[in-house]
PDB file of N, CA and C in Angstrom:
ATOM      1  N   MET A   1      30.333  25.645   3.978  1.00  0.00           N
ATOM      2  CA  MET A   1      29.003  25.054   4.037  1.00  0.00           C
ATOM      3  C   MET A   1      28.959  23.790   3.158  1.00  0.00           C
ATOM      4  N   ALA A   2      28.290  22.760   3.627  1.00  0.00           N
ATOM      5  CA  ALA A   2      28.207  21.496   2.901  1.00  0.00           C
ATOM      6  C   ALA A   2      27.214  21.591   1.747  1.00  0.00           C
ATOM      7  N   LYS A   3      27.513  20.800   0.708  1.00  0.00           N
ATOM      8  CA  LYS A   3      26.605  20.743  -0.439  1.00  0.00           C
ATOM      9  C   LYS A   3      25.392  19.888  -0.086  1.00  0.00           C
ATOM     10  N   PRO A   4      24.197  20.282  -0.550  1.00  0.00           N
ATOM     11  CA  PRO A   4      23.015  19.438  -0.315  1.00  0.00           C
ATOM     12  C   PRO A   4      23.116  18.145  -1.127  1.00  0.00           C
ATOM     13  N   ASN A   5      22.678  17.055  -0.518  1.00  0.00           N
ATOM     14  CA  ASN A   5      22.705  15.756  -1.179  1.00  0.00           C
ATOM     15  C   ASN A   5      21.308  15.495  -1.749  1.00  0.00           C
ATOM     16  N   TYR A   6      21.108  15.927  -2.979  1.00  0.00           N
ATOM     17  CA  TYR A   6      19.792  15.840  -3.602  1.00  0.00           C
ATOM     18  C   TYR A   6      19.371  14.390  -3.860  1.00  0.00           C
ATOM     19  N   GLN A   7      20.324  13.531  -4.176  1.00  0.00           N
ATOM     20  CA  GLN A   7      19.975  12.132  -4.432  1.00  0.00           C
ATOM     21  C   GLN A   7      19.432  11.473  -3.165  1.00  0.00           C
ATOM     22  N   PHE A   8      20.044  11.766  -2.029  1.00  0.00           N
ATOM     23  CA  PHE A   8      19.568  11.203  -0.766  1.00  0.00           C
ATOM     24  C   PHE A   8      18.167  11.702  -0.462  1.00  0.00           C
ATOM     25  N   ASP A   9      17.943  13.006  -0.639  1.00  0.00           N
ATOM     26  CA  ASP A   9      16.617  13.580  -0.380  1.00  0.00           C
ATOM     27  C   ASP A   9      15.560  12.944  -1.282  1.00  0.00           C
ATOM     28  N   LYS A  10      15.906  12.779  -2.553  1.00  0.00           N
ATOM     29  CA  LYS A  10      14.961  12.190  -3.497  1.00  0.00           C
ATOM     30  C   LYS A  10      14.640  10.752  -3.100  1.00  0.00           C
ATOM     31  N   ARG A  11      15.662   9.991  -2.716  1.00  0.00           N
ATOM     32  CA  ARG A  11      15.456   8.602  -2.316  1.00  0.00           C
ATOM     33  C   ARG A  11      14.568   8.514  -1.080  1.00  0.00           C
ATOM     34  N   GLN A  12      14.764   9.413  -0.131  1.00  0.00           N
ATOM     35  CA  GLN A  12      13.940   9.418   1.073  1.00  0.00           C
ATOM     36  C   GLN A  12      12.485   9.736   0.742  1.00  0.00           C
ATOM     37  N   ARG A  13      12.273  10.690  -0.173  1.00  0.00           N
ATOM     38  CA  ARG A  13      10.896  11.017  -0.598  1.00  0.00           C
ATOM     39  C   ARG A  13      10.246   9.815  -1.275  1.00  0.00           C
ATOM     40  N   GLU A  14      11.018   9.126  -2.132  1.00  0.00           N
ATOM     41  CA  GLU A  14      10.481   7.955  -2.828  1.00  0.00           C
ATOM     42  C   GLU A  14      10.106   6.850  -1.839  1.00  0.00           C
ATOM     43  N   LEU A  15      10.971   6.607  -0.848  1.00  0.00           N
ATOM     44  CA  LEU A  15      10.680   5.571   0.142  1.00  0.00           C
ATOM     45  C   LEU A  15       9.428   5.912   0.940  1.00  0.00           C
ATOM     46  N   LYS A  16       9.293   7.181   1.305  1.00  0.00           N
ATOM     47  CA  LYS A  16       8.119   7.623   2.058  1.00  0.00           C
ATOM     48  C   LYS A  16       6.852   7.451   1.214  1.00  0.00           C
ATOM     49  N   LYS A  17       6.931   7.826  -0.058  1.00  0.00           N
ATOM     50  CA  LYS A  17       5.788   7.711  -0.956  1.00  0.00           C
ATOM     51  C   LYS A  17       5.380   6.251  -1.143  1.00  0.00           C
ATOM     52  N   ASN A  18       6.363   5.377  -1.350  1.00  0.00           N
ATOM     53  CA  ASN A  18       6.071   3.954  -1.527  1.00  0.00           C
ATOM     54  C   ASN A  18       5.462   3.355  -0.275  1.00  0.00           C
ATOM     55  N   LYS A  19       5.948   3.760   0.888  1.00  0.00           N
ATOM     56  CA  LYS A  19       5.408   3.253   2.148  1.00  0.00           C
ATOM     57  C   LYS A  19       3.947   3.671   2.301  1.00  0.00           C
ATOM     58  N   GLN A  20       3.639   4.922   1.975  1.00  0.00           N
ATOM     59  CA  GLN A  20       2.263   5.404   2.075  1.00  0.00           C
ATOM     60  C   GLN A  20       1.365   4.668   1.096  1.00  0.00           C
ATOM     61  N   GLN A  21       1.850   4.416  -0.117  1.00  0.00           N
ATOM     62  CA  GLN A  21       1.048   3.697  -1.105  1.00  0.00           C
ATOM     63  C   GLN A  21       0.773   2.270  -0.647  1.00  0.00           C
ATOM     64  N   GLU A  22       1.781   1.623  -0.059  1.00  0.00           N
ATOM     65  CA  GLU A  22       1.605   0.258   0.431  1.00  0.00           C
ATOM     66  C   GLU A  22       0.593   0.221   1.572  1.00  0.00           C
ATOM     67  N   GLU A  23       0.673   1.192   2.492  1.00  0.00           N
ATOM     68  CA  GLU A  23      -0.282   1.259   3.595  1.00  0.00           C
ATOM     69  C   GLU A  23      -1.695   1.469   3.061  1.00  0.00           C
ATOM     70  N   LYS A  24      -1.829   2.317   2.066  1.00  0.00           N
ATOM     71  CA  LYS A  24      -3.140   2.584   1.459  1.00  0.00           C
ATOM     72  C   LYS A  24      -3.685   1.323   0.793  1.00  0.00           C
ATOM     73  N   ARG A  25      -2.795   0.586   0.091  1.00  0.00           N
ATOM     74  CA  ARG A  25      -3.206  -0.646  -0.582  1.00  0.00           C
ATOM     75  C   ARG A  25      -3.678  -1.682   0.436  1.00  0.00           C
ATOM     76  N   LEU A  26      -2.943  -1.822   1.527  1.00  0.00           N
ATOM     77  CA  LEU A  26      -3.326  -2.786   2.559  1.00  0.00           C
ATOM     78  C   LEU A  26      -4.642  -2.386   3.226  1.00  0.00           C
ATOM     79  N   LYS A  27      -4.822  -1.094   3.415  1.00  0.00           N
ATOM     80  CA  LYS A  27      -6.056  -0.590   4.025  1.00  0.00           C
ATOM     81  C   LYS A  27      -7.253  -0.896   3.123  1.00  0.00           C
ATOM     82  N   LYS A  28      -7.079  -0.656   1.822  1.00  0.00           N
ATOM     83  CA  LYS A  28      -8.136  -0.948   0.858  1.00  0.00           C
ATOM     84  C   LYS A  28      -8.447  -2.440   0.838  1.00  0.00           C
ATOM     85  N   LEU A  29      -7.391  -3.254   0.863  1.00  0.00           N
ATOM     86  CA  LEU A  29      -7.559  -4.692   0.826  1.00  0.00           C
ATOM     87  C   LEU A  29      -8.316  -5.174   2.060  1.00  0.00           C
ATOM     88  N   ALA A  30      -7.966  -4.674   3.213  1.00  0.00           N
ATOM     89  CA  ALA A  30      -8.639  -5.067   4.450  1.00  0.00           C
ATOM     90  C   ALA A  30     -10.090  -4.609   4.437  1.00  0.00           C
ATOM     91  N   ARG A  31     -10.328  -3.417   3.937  1.00  0.00           N
ATOM     92  CA  ARG A  31     -11.694  -2.900   3.873  1.00  0.00           C
ATOM     93  C   ARG A  31     -12.538  -3.752   2.932  1.00  0.00           C
ATOM     94  N   GLY A  32     -11.976  -4.162   1.829  1.00  0.00           N
ATOM     95  CA  GLY A  32     -12.691  -4.987   0.861  1.00  0.00           C
ATOM     96  C   GLY A  32     -13.021  -6.355   1.418  1.00  0.00           C
ATOM     97  N   GLU A  33     -12.120  -6.932   2.202  1.00  0.00           N
ATOM     98  CA  GLU A  33     -12.371  -8.255   2.775  1.00  0.00           C
ATOM     99  C   GLU A  33     -13.480  -8.211   3.810  1.00  0.00           C
ATOM    100  N   THR A  34     -13.543  -7.163   4.618  1.00  0.00           N
ATOM    101  CA  THR A  34     -14.569  -7.079   5.651  1.00  0.00           C
ATOM    102  C   THR A  34     -15.917  -6.713   5.052  1.00  0.00           C
ATOM    103  N   ALA A  35     -15.934  -5.983   3.947  1.00  0.00           N
ATOM    104  CA  ALA A  35     -17.189  -5.542   3.351  1.00  0.00           C
ATOM    105  C   ALA A  35     -17.891  -6.691   2.615  1.00  0.00           C
ATOM    106  N   GLU A  36     -17.117  -7.537   1.916  1.00  0.00           N
ATOM    107  CA  GLU A  36     -17.716  -8.590   1.111  1.00  0.00           C
ATOM    108  C   GLU A  36     -17.051  -9.942   1.366  1.00  0.00           C
ATOM    109  N   PRO A  37     -17.256 -10.533   2.533  1.00  0.00           N
ATOM    110  CA  PRO A  37     -16.608 -11.825   2.784  1.00  0.00           C
ATOM    111  C   PRO A  37     -17.208 -12.965   1.972  1.00  0.00           C
ATOM    112  N   SER A  38     -18.503 -12.912   1.659  1.00  0.00           N
ATOM    113  CA  SER A  38     -19.130 -13.998   0.922  1.00  0.00           C
ATOM    114  C   SER A  38     -18.773 -13.960  -0.563  1.00  0.00           C
ATOM    115  N   ALA A  39     -18.412 -12.810  -1.075  1.00  0.00           N
ATOM    116  CA  ALA A  39     -18.086 -12.678  -2.496  1.00  0.00           C
ATOM    117  C   ALA A  39     -16.730 -13.306  -2.812  1.00  0.00           C
ATOM    118  N   THR A  40     -15.859 -13.411  -1.838  1.00  0.00           N
ATOM    119  CA  THR A  40     -14.545 -13.966  -2.083  1.00  0.00           C
ATOM    120  C   THR A  40     -14.521 -15.490  -2.004  1.00  0.00           C
ATOM    121  N   LYS A  41     -15.531 -16.083  -1.372  1.00  0.00           N
ATOM    122  CA  LYS A  41     -15.591 -17.541  -1.229  1.00  0.00           C
ATOM    123  C   LYS A  41     -16.617 -18.112  -2.208  1.00  0.00           C
ATOM    124  N   PRO A  42     -16.168 -18.915  -3.157  1.00  0.00           N
ATOM    125  CA  PRO A  42     -17.147 -19.518  -4.083  1.00  0.00           C
ATOM    126  C   PRO A  42     -17.959 -20.604  -3.386  1.00  0.00           C
ATOM    127  N   GLU A  43     -19.221 -20.694  -3.758  1.00  0.00           N
ATOM    128  CA  GLU A  43     -20.109 -21.706  -3.162  1.00  0.00           C
ATOM    129  C   GLU A  43     -19.881 -23.038  -3.868  1.00  0.00           C
ATOM    130  N   PRO A  44     -19.828 -24.121  -3.138  1.00  0.00           N
ATOM    131  CA  PRO A  44     -19.637 -25.428  -3.777  1.00  0.00           C
ATOM    132  C   PRO A  44     -20.871 -25.830  -4.570  1.00  0.00           C
ATOM    133  N   SER A  45     -20.655 -26.281  -5.774  1.00  0.00           N
ATOM    134  CA  SER A  45     -21.789 -26.729  -6.604  1.00  0.00           C
ATOM    135  C   SER A  45     -21.805 -28.248  -6.611  1.00  0.00           C
ATOM    136  N   ALA A  46     -22.900 -28.800  -6.114  1.00  0.00           N
ATOM    137  CA  ALA A  46     -22.986 -30.266  -6.008  1.00  0.00           C
ATOM    138  C   ALA A  46     -23.928 -30.839  -7.044  1.00  0.00           C
TER     139      ALA A  46
END
């Protein structure tokens, strides 16, 4: 029987976790842009 490759399993879990965090961050960013579009653009002061 082959030995389990724990380092490979750990690396795969880390990659999956990072991918989910990045997707969550992008989702939050997109939600924030659609909710407050005027807050991100400063008004010109003349």
